[in-house]
Amino acid sequence: MHMQSSNTIIDTDSFRDHLGIITDDGKRKNIYPKKPKGKFYNARTIFSMVLLAFLFGMPLIKVDGHPFMMFNIVDRKFILFGQVFGTHDFFILALGFITFVVSIILFTAVFGRVFCGWACPQTVFLEMVFRKIEFFIEGDYVKQKNLNSAPWTGTKIFKKLSKWGIFFALSVLIANTFLAWIIGIDDLRKIITEPVYKHLGGFIAMILFSGAFYFVFAWFREYACIYVCPYGRLQGVLLDKKTTVIAYDYVRGEPRGKLKKGEERTNGDCIDCKECMAVCPTAIDIRNGTQLECVNCTACIDSCDNIMDKIGKPRGLIRFASEDSIKNKTKFKISARVIAYSAVLVILLTVLTILISSRKPMDVTILRAPGMIFQEQPDNKISNLYTMKLTNKTFHDVNITLKLENIEGELKVIGNDIKVPSGDVTETKFLVLLPKDKLTVMNTPLEIGVYRDGTKFETNKINFLGPAVQK
């Protein structure tokens, strides 16, 4: 509860006794949010358009005939910015994921749950695509309520079938886009154009994803944010009184009271119009303070600012602010926790950048076979057995040849020619034979030239073990 003066206590805890999306008898309460309008809603619309263009457009972009970005979890093959990553790059992928999580934690610690309202695909699709279509077909929240409670006439059937049909078509489009991010646009095109029996697994996946997206965006909706998403629970341990969230300025707004024409106002600036509640997509009253259901969509800010403009009061009764800044009327300050998170994030980004920038298209590791010493060979020669591990991080199969660079001798690959498939790891063995009279020390340094399709790309330095022969 908020205490405004020695004589006024505003109880804000009663909302904890119930959920805004559940009726008193435990049934689901349908939410009909009012269509928001204002500068934040316009900004969210533009930002969402950019995100949607990225989501739908990125699978179409190719570099040298390969996707610019792809996350093939099934085959454990990932393409980021035109570079292919596989299981051999697990540490880079894991570090990238950790960096992403830390960045969200840092962002949440400073700005609250803004990611949910502005960048989360669930919110972007629901509020900026499906909800807009619903507003266009069925009208604003009052018309939607009336339509749902009205009998099934021809007009209602037409509107409902139109909405559901568009919703399902969009769900199929989203599902196909989702698959394009996983398997690539070329494989997706085969699933769509070729007979179903050739790609039965892909076709089933497409149907399941389409049904799942339709279920989420047509019915489940805000339940995904409130009940399923773990991020809402996570924010409870990330937010503190210094975190900037969407907050109601109770110091300025209380005690709230209706606006009466011609009457000198002695209450706070909040006229209890409940417009902030009408536009909320999760049916909460932001005046009760920060709540798990709040996704920081800023709809309440726009609605409150519109009301303040009409009654001649300053904007910002609901705004981005921290509890401390409202209570103590202080400005935003960077806390020690934010500095610590930022330092960790900078370190992670630096390490990740170094690893990616220094990443080679081919990794070559040559080691002398464990547990073996030199072997005596005919023609007064000494041999060593080596194992070589090759990791191909390119899109193309490569042929590898090896040459002794710094000493006269022989190099014999055991088995077939060395060919490394794209994104694969190959191990092979080879012998190095040197004349005994060339060995003057027990460990003779060797330089092995590694050639890819006839072009040298690396020199690997190893030691050759043999008896020291004194001249």
Protein backbone atom coordinates (compact mmCIF):
# COMPACT_ATOMS: atom_id res chain seq x y z
CA MET A 1 0.00 0.00 0.00
CA HIS A 2 1.06 3.64 -0.53
CA MET A 3 0.87 6.18 2.28
CA GLN A 4 0.31 9.65 0.84
CA SER A 5 0.05 11.62 4.09
CA SER A 6 -0.41 11.06 7.78
CA ASN A 7 -4.18 10.82 7.26
CA THR A 8 -4.45 9.13 3.84
CA ILE A 9 -3.66 5.51 3.12
CA ILE A 10 -4.21 4.11 -0.34
CA ASP A 11 -4.68 0.35 -0.32
CA THR A 12 -3.05 -1.15 -3.39
CA ASP A 13 -2.78 -4.75 -2.19
CA SER A 14 -6.30 -6.00 -2.87
CA PHE A 15 -5.38 -6.79 -6.47
CA ARG A 16 -3.17 -9.60 -5.22
CA ASP A 17 -6.26 -11.57 -4.21
CA HIS A 18 -7.29 -12.32 -7.79
CA LEU A 19 -6.15 -12.41 -11.41
CA GLY A 20 -7.57 -10.01 -13.94
CA ILE A 21 -7.96 -12.77 -16.52
CA ILE A 22 -9.84 -15.20 -14.22
CA THR A 23 -13.43 -14.88 -13.05
CA ASP A 24 -14.41 -15.43 -9.42
CA ASP A 25 -15.59 -18.97 -10.23
CA GLY A 26 -12.23 -19.86 -11.80
CA LYS A 27 -13.14 -19.54 -15.46
CA ARG A 28 -11.26 -17.61 -18.09
CA LYS A 29 -12.28 -13.99 -18.46
CA ASN A 30 -12.10 -12.77 -22.03
CA ILE A 31 -10.01 -9.63 -22.39
CA TYR A 32 -11.09 -6.91 -24.79
CA PRO A 33 -8.35 -4.28 -24.70
CA LYS A 34 -9.17 -0.90 -26.14
CA LYS A 35 -7.20 0.04 -29.24
CA PRO A 36 -4.27 2.16 -28.04
CA LYS A 37 -3.08 5.32 -29.71
CA GLY A 38 -0.22 7.68 -29.00
CA LYS A 39 3.46 8.27 -29.57
CA PHE A 40 4.61 5.06 -27.86
CA TYR A 41 2.13 2.95 -29.79
CA ASN A 42 3.30 4.55 -33.04
CA ALA A 43 6.93 3.92 -32.09
CA ARG A 44 6.14 0.30 -31.25
CA THR A 45 4.39 -0.11 -34.60
CA ILE A 46 7.42 1.15 -36.52
CA PHE A 47 9.82 -0.94 -34.45
CA SER A 48 7.63 -4.02 -34.93
CA MET A 49 7.63 -3.48 -38.69
CA VAL A 50 11.42 -3.53 -38.64
CA LEU A 51 11.45 -6.74 -36.57
CA LEU A 52 8.88 -8.40 -38.83
CA ALA A 53 10.85 -7.41 -41.93
CA PHE A 54 13.93 -8.98 -40.34
CA LEU A 55 12.05 -12.15 -39.38
CA PHE A 56 10.42 -12.73 -42.77
CA GLY A 57 13.22 -11.32 -44.92
CA MET A 58 16.34 -12.84 -43.39
CA PRO A 59 15.71 -16.44 -44.59
CA LEU A 60 15.61 -15.10 -48.16
CA ILE A 61 19.09 -13.55 -47.95
CA LYS A 62 21.93 -15.73 -49.19
CA VAL A 63 25.70 -15.42 -49.40
CA ASP A 64 27.37 -17.52 -52.11
CA GLY A 65 24.18 -19.54 -52.42
CA HIS A 66 23.93 -20.26 -48.69
CA PRO A 67 21.63 -18.73 -46.03
CA PHE A 68 22.95 -15.66 -44.27
CA MET A 69 21.44 -16.97 -41.02
CA MET A 70 20.08 -20.41 -40.16
CA PHE A 71 19.58 -22.39 -36.95
CA ASN A 72 19.31 -26.04 -37.94
CA ILE A 73 18.88 -27.61 -34.53
CA VAL A 74 18.05 -31.03 -35.99
CA ASP A 75 21.35 -31.39 -37.87
CA ARG A 76 23.25 -29.24 -35.33
CA LYS A 77 24.27 -26.82 -38.05
CA PHE A 78 24.10 -23.07 -37.53
CA ILE A 79 24.87 -20.23 -39.92
CA LEU A 80 25.49 -16.79 -38.47
CA PHE A 81 26.31 -13.84 -40.68
CA GLY A 82 27.35 -16.13 -43.52
CA GLN A 83 29.63 -18.34 -41.39
CA VAL A 84 28.78 -21.95 -40.69
CA PHE A 85 29.01 -23.27 -37.13
CA GLY A 86 28.73 -26.88 -36.05
CA THR A 87 29.15 -29.02 -32.97
CA HIS A 88 32.88 -28.26 -33.07
CA ASP A 89 31.98 -24.62 -32.35
CA PHE A 90 29.83 -25.46 -29.36
CA PHE A 91 31.86 -23.24 -27.04
CA ILE A 92 31.25 -20.22 -29.29
CA LEU A 93 27.52 -20.95 -29.52
CA ALA A 94 27.30 -21.50 -25.77
CA LEU A 95 29.17 -18.27 -25.10
CA GLY A 96 26.87 -16.45 -27.52
CA PHE A 97 23.82 -17.79 -25.68
CA ILE A 98 25.27 -16.78 -22.31
CA THR A 99 25.99 -13.30 -23.69
CA PHE A 100 22.40 -13.02 -24.90
CA VAL A 101 21.04 -14.03 -21.48
CA VAL A 102 23.32 -11.58 -19.67
CA SER A 103 22.27 -8.78 -22.01
CA ILE A 104 18.59 -9.48 -21.20
CA ILE A 105 19.39 -9.57 -17.48
CA LEU A 106 21.21 -6.24 -17.76
CA PHE A 107 18.42 -4.70 -19.79
CA THR A 108 15.82 -5.96 -17.30
CA ALA A 109 17.78 -4.68 -14.31
CA VAL A 110 17.84 -1.20 -15.85
CA PHE A 111 14.60 -0.94 -17.85
CA GLY A 112 12.40 -3.75 -16.56
CA ARG A 113 10.38 -5.94 -18.89
CA VAL A 114 10.62 -3.67 -21.96
CA PHE A 115 11.88 -6.60 -24.06
CA CYS A 116 8.51 -8.30 -23.61
CA GLY A 117 6.48 -5.35 -24.81
CA TRP A 118 8.72 -4.23 -27.65
CA ALA A 119 10.79 -7.12 -29.01
CA CYS A 120 9.30 -10.45 -27.88
CA PRO A 121 7.86 -12.30 -30.93
CA GLN A 122 4.78 -13.27 -28.90
CA THR A 123 3.89 -9.64 -28.19
CA VAL A 124 4.92 -8.34 -31.60
CA PHE A 125 2.72 -10.84 -33.46
CA LEU A 126 -0.20 -10.64 -31.04
CA GLU A 127 -0.41 -6.88 -30.58
CA MET A 128 0.95 -5.63 -33.88
CA VAL A 129 -0.45 -8.22 -36.29
CA PHE A 130 -3.30 -10.35 -34.97
CA ARG A 131 -4.84 -7.69 -32.72
CA LYS A 132 -4.74 -5.09 -35.51
CA ILE A 133 -6.57 -7.50 -37.82
CA GLU A 134 -9.12 -8.10 -35.08
CA PHE A 135 -9.66 -4.36 -34.67
CA PHE A 136 -10.07 -3.99 -38.43
CA ILE A 137 -12.64 -6.79 -38.82
CA GLU A 138 -14.60 -6.65 -35.57
CA GLY A 139 -14.02 -3.06 -34.45
CA ASP A 140 -12.80 -1.71 -31.13
CA TYR A 141 -13.31 -3.41 -27.76
CA VAL A 142 -16.98 -2.42 -27.30
CA LYS A 143 -17.96 -3.73 -30.74
CA GLN A 144 -16.00 -6.93 -30.07
CA LYS A 145 -17.90 -7.52 -26.82
CA ASN A 146 -21.22 -6.89 -28.50
CA LEU A 147 -20.35 -9.15 -31.43
CA ASN A 148 -19.35 -12.05 -29.18
CA SER A 149 -22.53 -11.79 -27.13
CA ALA A 150 -24.78 -11.35 -30.19
CA PRO A 151 -26.62 -14.28 -31.82
CA TRP A 152 -25.08 -16.02 -34.83
CA THR A 153 -26.29 -13.93 -37.73
CA GLY A 154 -24.87 -13.83 -41.25
CA THR A 155 -22.78 -10.78 -40.39
CA LYS A 156 -21.29 -12.42 -37.30
CA ILE A 157 -20.51 -15.65 -39.17
CA PHE A 158 -18.84 -13.69 -41.98
CA LYS A 159 -16.69 -11.65 -39.59
CA LYS A 160 -15.70 -14.64 -37.47
CA LEU A 161 -14.85 -16.85 -40.43
CA SER A 162 -12.91 -14.01 -42.05
CA LYS A 163 -10.91 -13.43 -38.88
CA TRP A 164 -10.24 -17.09 -38.20
CA GLY A 165 -9.30 -17.71 -41.83
CA ILE A 166 -6.81 -14.83 -41.86
CA PHE A 167 -5.46 -15.94 -38.49
CA PHE A 168 -4.83 -19.45 -39.76
CA ALA A 169 -3.24 -18.20 -43.00
CA LEU A 170 -0.91 -16.02 -40.94
CA SER A 171 -0.13 -18.96 -38.65
CA VAL A 172 0.84 -21.05 -41.70
CA LEU A 173 3.04 -18.19 -42.94
CA ILE A 174 4.73 -17.86 -39.55
CA ALA A 175 5.22 -21.63 -39.34
CA ASN A 176 6.83 -21.70 -42.79
CA THR A 177 9.08 -18.80 -41.84
CA PHE A 178 10.00 -20.56 -38.62
CA LEU A 179 10.94 -23.68 -40.61
CA ALA A 180 12.94 -21.54 -43.06
CA TRP A 181 15.07 -20.33 -40.16
CA ILE A 182 15.70 -23.97 -39.19
CA ILE A 183 16.14 -25.85 -42.49
CA GLY A 184 16.70 -23.03 -44.97
CA ILE A 185 14.48 -21.56 -47.66
CA ASP A 186 15.57 -24.09 -50.31
CA ASP A 187 14.54 -27.13 -48.28
CA LEU A 188 11.32 -25.38 -47.31
CA ARG A 189 10.53 -24.77 -50.98
CA LYS A 190 10.95 -28.49 -51.64
CA ILE A 191 8.49 -29.34 -48.84
CA ILE A 192 5.95 -26.93 -50.33
CA THR A 193 6.32 -27.79 -54.01
CA GLU A 194 7.20 -31.49 -54.06
CA PRO A 195 4.84 -34.40 -53.24
CA VAL A 196 4.05 -34.81 -49.56
CA TYR A 197 5.42 -38.38 -49.33
CA LYS A 198 8.91 -37.11 -50.18
CA HIS A 199 9.01 -34.81 -47.17
CA LEU A 200 6.50 -36.33 -44.79
CA GLY A 201 8.40 -35.29 -41.66
CA GLY A 202 8.73 -31.69 -42.83
CA PHE A 203 5.07 -31.55 -43.83
CA ILE A 204 3.97 -32.86 -40.41
CA ALA A 205 6.23 -30.30 -38.72
CA MET A 206 4.66 -27.53 -40.80
CA ILE A 207 1.14 -28.62 -39.81
CA LEU A 208 2.05 -28.89 -36.12
CA PHE A 209 3.76 -25.50 -36.06
CA SER A 210 0.82 -23.89 -37.88
CA GLY A 211 -1.63 -25.35 -35.39
CA ALA A 212 0.52 -24.28 -32.44
CA PHE A 213 0.83 -20.70 -33.67
CA TYR A 214 -2.89 -20.51 -34.42
CA PHE A 215 -3.69 -21.82 -30.93
CA VAL A 216 -1.38 -19.29 -29.27
CA PHE A 217 -2.40 -16.19 -31.21
CA ALA A 218 -6.10 -16.94 -31.69
CA TRP A 219 -6.95 -18.28 -28.22
CA PHE A 220 -4.12 -18.72 -25.70
CA ARG A 221 -2.82 -15.15 -26.13
CA GLU A 222 -1.97 -13.38 -22.86
CA TYR A 223 -1.80 -16.74 -21.04
CA ALA A 224 1.54 -17.35 -22.78
CA CYS A 225 3.01 -14.27 -21.08
CA ILE A 226 1.39 -14.76 -17.70
CA TYR A 227 1.54 -18.53 -17.19
CA VAL A 228 4.06 -20.03 -19.59
CA CYS A 229 6.88 -17.54 -20.09
CA PRO A 230 9.53 -17.89 -17.36
CA TYR A 231 10.84 -14.39 -18.01
CA GLY A 232 7.94 -12.86 -16.07
CA ARG A 233 9.01 -14.80 -12.99
CA LEU A 234 12.66 -14.00 -13.60
CA GLN A 235 12.02 -10.28 -13.43
CA GLY A 236 10.97 -10.67 -9.81
CA VAL A 237 14.58 -11.27 -8.79
CA LEU A 238 16.03 -8.75 -11.26
CA LEU A 239 13.97 -5.67 -10.45
CA ASP A 240 14.58 -3.40 -7.51
CA LYS A 241 13.45 0.07 -6.49
CA LYS A 242 16.04 1.64 -8.78
CA THR A 243 14.86 -0.22 -11.90
CA THR A 244 13.10 1.88 -14.52
CA VAL A 245 9.69 0.37 -15.21
CA ILE A 246 6.30 1.61 -16.36
CA ALA A 247 5.11 3.19 -13.16
CA TYR A 248 2.20 5.23 -11.86
CA ASP A 249 3.23 8.42 -10.03
CA TYR A 250 1.13 7.89 -6.92
CA VAL A 251 2.72 10.93 -5.24
CA ARG A 252 1.23 13.15 -7.90
CA GLY A 253 -1.91 11.12 -8.65
CA GLU A 254 -3.29 10.33 -5.19
CA PRO A 255 -5.77 10.67 -3.74
CA ARG A 256 -7.58 9.89 -6.96
CA GLY A 257 -11.09 11.09 -7.65
CA LYS A 258 -13.53 11.79 -10.44
CA LEU A 259 -13.29 15.11 -12.24
CA LYS A 260 -16.34 17.29 -11.65
CA LYS A 261 -17.08 20.25 -13.84
CA GLY A 262 -16.86 23.61 -12.12
CA GLU A 263 -15.53 22.13 -8.88
CA GLU A 264 -12.14 23.19 -7.52
CA ARG A 265 -10.04 20.06 -7.49
CA THR A 266 -8.37 19.07 -4.21
CA ASN A 267 -7.54 15.47 -5.17
CA GLY A 268 -4.51 14.28 -7.11
CA ASP A 269 -4.17 14.33 -10.87
CA CYS A 270 -5.64 10.83 -11.35
CA ILE A 271 -9.33 11.24 -12.21
CA ASP A 272 -9.95 7.47 -11.94
CA CYS A 273 -11.07 7.21 -15.57
CA LYS A 274 -9.67 3.67 -15.79
CA GLU A 275 -8.44 4.29 -19.35
CA CYS A 276 -5.11 2.74 -18.37
CA MET A 277 -6.96 -0.46 -17.48
CA ALA A 278 -9.08 -0.40 -20.64
CA VAL A 279 -6.05 -0.55 -22.97
CA CYS A 280 -4.05 -3.09 -20.93
CA PRO A 281 -3.67 -6.38 -22.87
CA THR A 282 -3.21 -8.35 -19.63
CA ALA A 283 -6.08 -6.71 -17.70
CA ILE A 284 -4.13 -5.16 -14.83
CA ASP A 285 -4.32 -1.81 -13.09
CA ILE A 286 -0.88 -0.25 -13.38
CA ARG A 287 -1.76 2.00 -10.46
CA ASN A 288 -1.26 -1.01 -8.19
CA GLY A 289 2.45 -0.95 -8.96
CA THR A 290 4.78 -3.32 -10.81
CA GLN A 291 3.10 -6.68 -11.45
CA LEU A 292 4.12 -9.95 -13.03
CA GLU A 293 1.47 -9.58 -15.75
CA CYS A 294 2.82 -6.22 -16.99
CA VAL A 295 4.73 -6.61 -20.25
CA ASN A 296 5.71 -2.91 -20.47
CA CYS A 297 3.78 -2.38 -23.68
CA THR A 298 3.36 1.36 -22.84
CA ALA A 299 -0.32 1.36 -23.86
CA CYS A 300 -1.26 2.76 -20.44
CA ILE A 301 1.23 5.62 -20.85
CA ASP A 302 -0.36 6.70 -24.12
CA SER A 303 -3.91 6.46 -22.77
CA CYS A 304 -3.06 8.41 -19.61
CA ASP A 305 -1.19 11.10 -21.55
CA ASN A 306 -4.25 11.54 -23.79
CA ILE A 307 -6.44 12.06 -20.72
CA MET A 308 -3.97 14.49 -19.16
CA ASP A 309 -4.02 16.52 -22.38
CA LYS A 310 -7.82 16.71 -22.25
CA ILE A 311 -8.00 17.89 -18.64
CA GLY A 312 -5.07 20.28 -18.95
CA LYS A 313 -2.64 18.41 -16.70
CA PRO A 314 1.03 17.61 -17.42
CA ARG A 315 1.81 14.33 -19.11
CA GLY A 316 3.73 11.62 -17.29
CA LEU A 317 1.33 10.55 -14.56
CA ILE A 318 2.16 7.07 -15.88
CA ARG A 319 5.66 6.96 -17.30
CA PHE A 320 8.99 5.16 -17.36
CA ALA A 321 10.33 5.68 -13.84
CA SER A 322 11.71 3.85 -10.83
CA GLU A 323 10.11 3.51 -7.43
CA ASP A 324 12.88 5.62 -5.89
CA SER A 325 12.54 8.39 -8.46
CA ILE A 326 8.79 8.66 -7.80
CA LYS A 327 8.99 8.45 -4.04
CA ASN A 328 12.02 10.70 -3.58
CA LYS A 329 11.69 12.72 -6.81
CA THR A 330 15.22 11.83 -7.80
CA LYS A 331 16.73 11.30 -11.24
CA PHE A 332 17.96 8.02 -12.66
CA LYS A 333 21.28 6.83 -11.24
CA ILE A 334 23.42 3.91 -12.35
CA SER A 335 23.61 1.36 -9.55
CA ALA A 336 26.53 -0.87 -8.66
CA ARG A 337 24.59 -3.88 -9.92
CA VAL A 338 24.13 -2.31 -13.34
CA ILE A 339 27.84 -1.51 -13.49
CA ALA A 340 28.71 -5.12 -12.58
CA TYR A 341 26.33 -6.55 -15.21
CA SER A 342 27.70 -4.13 -17.80
CA ALA A 343 31.29 -5.12 -17.03
CA VAL A 344 30.44 -8.81 -17.40
CA LEU A 345 28.60 -8.12 -20.65
CA VAL A 346 31.52 -6.12 -22.09
CA ILE A 347 33.92 -8.94 -21.22
CA LEU A 348 31.66 -11.56 -22.81
CA LEU A 349 31.17 -9.48 -25.96
CA THR A 350 34.92 -8.88 -26.24
CA VAL A 351 35.75 -12.58 -25.88
CA LEU A 352 32.99 -13.55 -28.32
CA THR A 353 34.19 -10.99 -30.88
CA ILE A 354 37.78 -12.20 -30.62
CA LEU A 355 36.74 -15.84 -31.00
CA ILE A 356 34.60 -15.17 -34.07
CA SER A 357 37.06 -12.80 -35.75
CA SER A 358 40.00 -15.17 -35.22
CA ARG A 359 38.05 -18.23 -36.28
CA LYS A 360 39.71 -20.10 -39.14
CA PRO A 361 37.82 -21.77 -42.00
CA MET A 362 39.81 -24.95 -41.33
CA ASP A 363 41.17 -26.27 -38.05
CA VAL A 364 44.14 -28.61 -38.28
CA THR A 365 45.57 -30.48 -35.30
CA ILE A 366 48.57 -32.79 -35.82
CA LEU A 367 49.91 -34.92 -32.97
CA ARG A 368 52.35 -37.78 -32.83
CA ALA A 369 50.48 -41.04 -32.25
CA PRO A 370 50.29 -41.60 -28.48
CA GLY A 371 52.23 -44.46 -26.96
CA MET A 372 54.49 -44.93 -29.98
CA ILE A 373 58.14 -44.11 -30.50
CA PHE A 374 60.11 -44.08 -33.75
CA GLN A 375 60.28 -47.15 -35.99
CA GLU A 376 63.23 -48.47 -37.98
CA GLN A 377 62.43 -48.67 -41.70
CA PRO A 378 64.31 -50.17 -44.70
CA ASP A 379 66.86 -48.07 -46.56
CA ASN A 380 68.25 -46.73 -43.28
CA LYS A 381 65.18 -44.61 -42.53
CA ILE A 382 63.28 -43.72 -39.37
CA SER A 383 59.53 -43.19 -39.28
CA ASN A 384 57.04 -41.52 -36.93
CA LEU A 385 53.28 -42.04 -36.98
CA TYR A 386 51.05 -38.97 -36.64
CA THR A 387 47.32 -38.42 -36.26
CA MET A 388 45.66 -35.44 -37.85
CA LYS A 389 42.25 -34.00 -37.04
CA LEU A 390 40.68 -31.71 -39.64
CA THR A 391 37.59 -29.56 -39.07
CA ASN A 392 35.99 -28.05 -42.16
CA LYS A 393 34.12 -24.87 -41.23
CA THR A 394 33.22 -23.90 -44.79
CA PHE A 395 30.25 -24.63 -47.04
CA HIS A 396 32.32 -26.71 -49.46
CA ASP A 397 34.01 -30.12 -49.39
CA VAL A 398 37.77 -29.71 -49.49
CA ASN A 399 40.68 -31.92 -50.54
CA ILE A 400 43.74 -31.79 -48.32
CA THR A 401 47.34 -32.56 -49.21
CA LEU A 402 50.39 -32.50 -46.93
CA LYS A 403 54.01 -31.66 -47.71
CA LEU A 404 57.24 -31.61 -45.75
CA GLU A 405 58.47 -28.04 -45.91
CA ASN A 406 61.79 -27.76 -44.08
CA ILE A 407 63.57 -31.10 -44.52
CA GLU A 408 64.12 -33.79 -47.13
CA GLY A 409 62.00 -36.86 -46.45
CA GLU A 410 58.78 -38.70 -47.24
CA LEU A 411 55.22 -38.17 -46.06
CA LYS A 412 52.78 -41.01 -46.60
CA VAL A 413 49.06 -40.73 -45.83
CA ILE A 414 47.56 -43.98 -44.56
CA GLY A 415 44.41 -44.86 -46.43
CA ASN A 416 42.59 -42.84 -49.06
CA ASP A 417 43.12 -39.25 -50.08
CA ILE A 418 42.11 -36.71 -47.46
CA LYS A 419 38.69 -35.24 -48.24
CA VAL A 420 36.76 -33.31 -45.61
CA PRO A 421 33.00 -32.76 -46.17
CA SER A 422 31.46 -29.37 -45.40
CA GLY A 423 30.95 -28.81 -41.70
CA ASP A 424 32.45 -32.18 -40.86
CA VAL A 425 35.38 -33.44 -38.81
CA THR A 426 37.81 -35.97 -40.30
CA GLU A 427 40.66 -37.85 -38.65
CA THR A 428 43.48 -39.50 -40.54
CA LYS A 429 46.97 -40.88 -39.96
CA PHE A 430 50.19 -40.39 -41.85
CA LEU A 431 53.83 -41.46 -41.65
CA VAL A 432 56.87 -39.25 -41.90
CA LEU A 433 60.07 -41.04 -42.96
CA LEU A 434 63.46 -39.36 -42.65
CA PRO A 435 66.95 -40.65 -43.46
CA LYS A 436 68.74 -41.63 -40.29
CA ASP A 437 71.77 -39.55 -41.19
CA LYS A 438 69.62 -36.39 -41.19
CA LEU A 439 68.82 -36.84 -37.50
CA THR A 440 71.29 -35.07 -35.25
CA VAL A 441 69.03 -34.61 -32.23
CA MET A 442 66.33 -36.72 -30.61
CA ASN A 443 63.58 -34.22 -31.45
CA THR A 444 63.86 -32.87 -34.94
CA PRO A 445 61.53 -29.94 -35.72
CA LEU A 446 59.30 -30.48 -38.75
CA GLU A 447 57.14 -28.09 -40.71
CA ILE A 448 54.12 -29.67 -42.39
CA GLY A 449 52.50 -27.60 -45.13
CA VAL A 450 48.73 -28.12 -45.26
CA TYR A 451 47.23 -27.44 -48.70
CA ARG A 452 43.53 -27.02 -49.40
CA ASP A 453 42.62 -27.77 -53.02
CA GLY A 454 46.20 -27.07 -54.02
CA THR A 455 46.55 -23.80 -52.08
CA LYS A 456 48.60 -23.65 -48.91
CA PHE A 457 46.69 -22.22 -45.97
CA GLU A 458 48.65 -23.35 -42.91
CA THR A 459 52.04 -24.57 -41.72
CA ASN A 460 51.93 -26.92 -38.77
CA LYS A 461 55.06 -27.33 -36.64
CA ILE A 462 55.66 -30.69 -34.97
CA ASN A 463 58.58 -32.72 -33.64
CA PHE A 464 60.07 -35.90 -35.10
CA LEU A 465 61.36 -38.39 -32.54
CA GLY A 466 64.39 -40.44 -33.48
CA PRO A 467 67.81 -41.64 -32.37
CA ALA A 468 70.45 -38.91 -32.30
CA VAL A 469 73.11 -39.84 -34.86
CA GLN A 470 76.41 -38.06 -34.44
CA LYS A 471 78.31 -37.18 -37.61
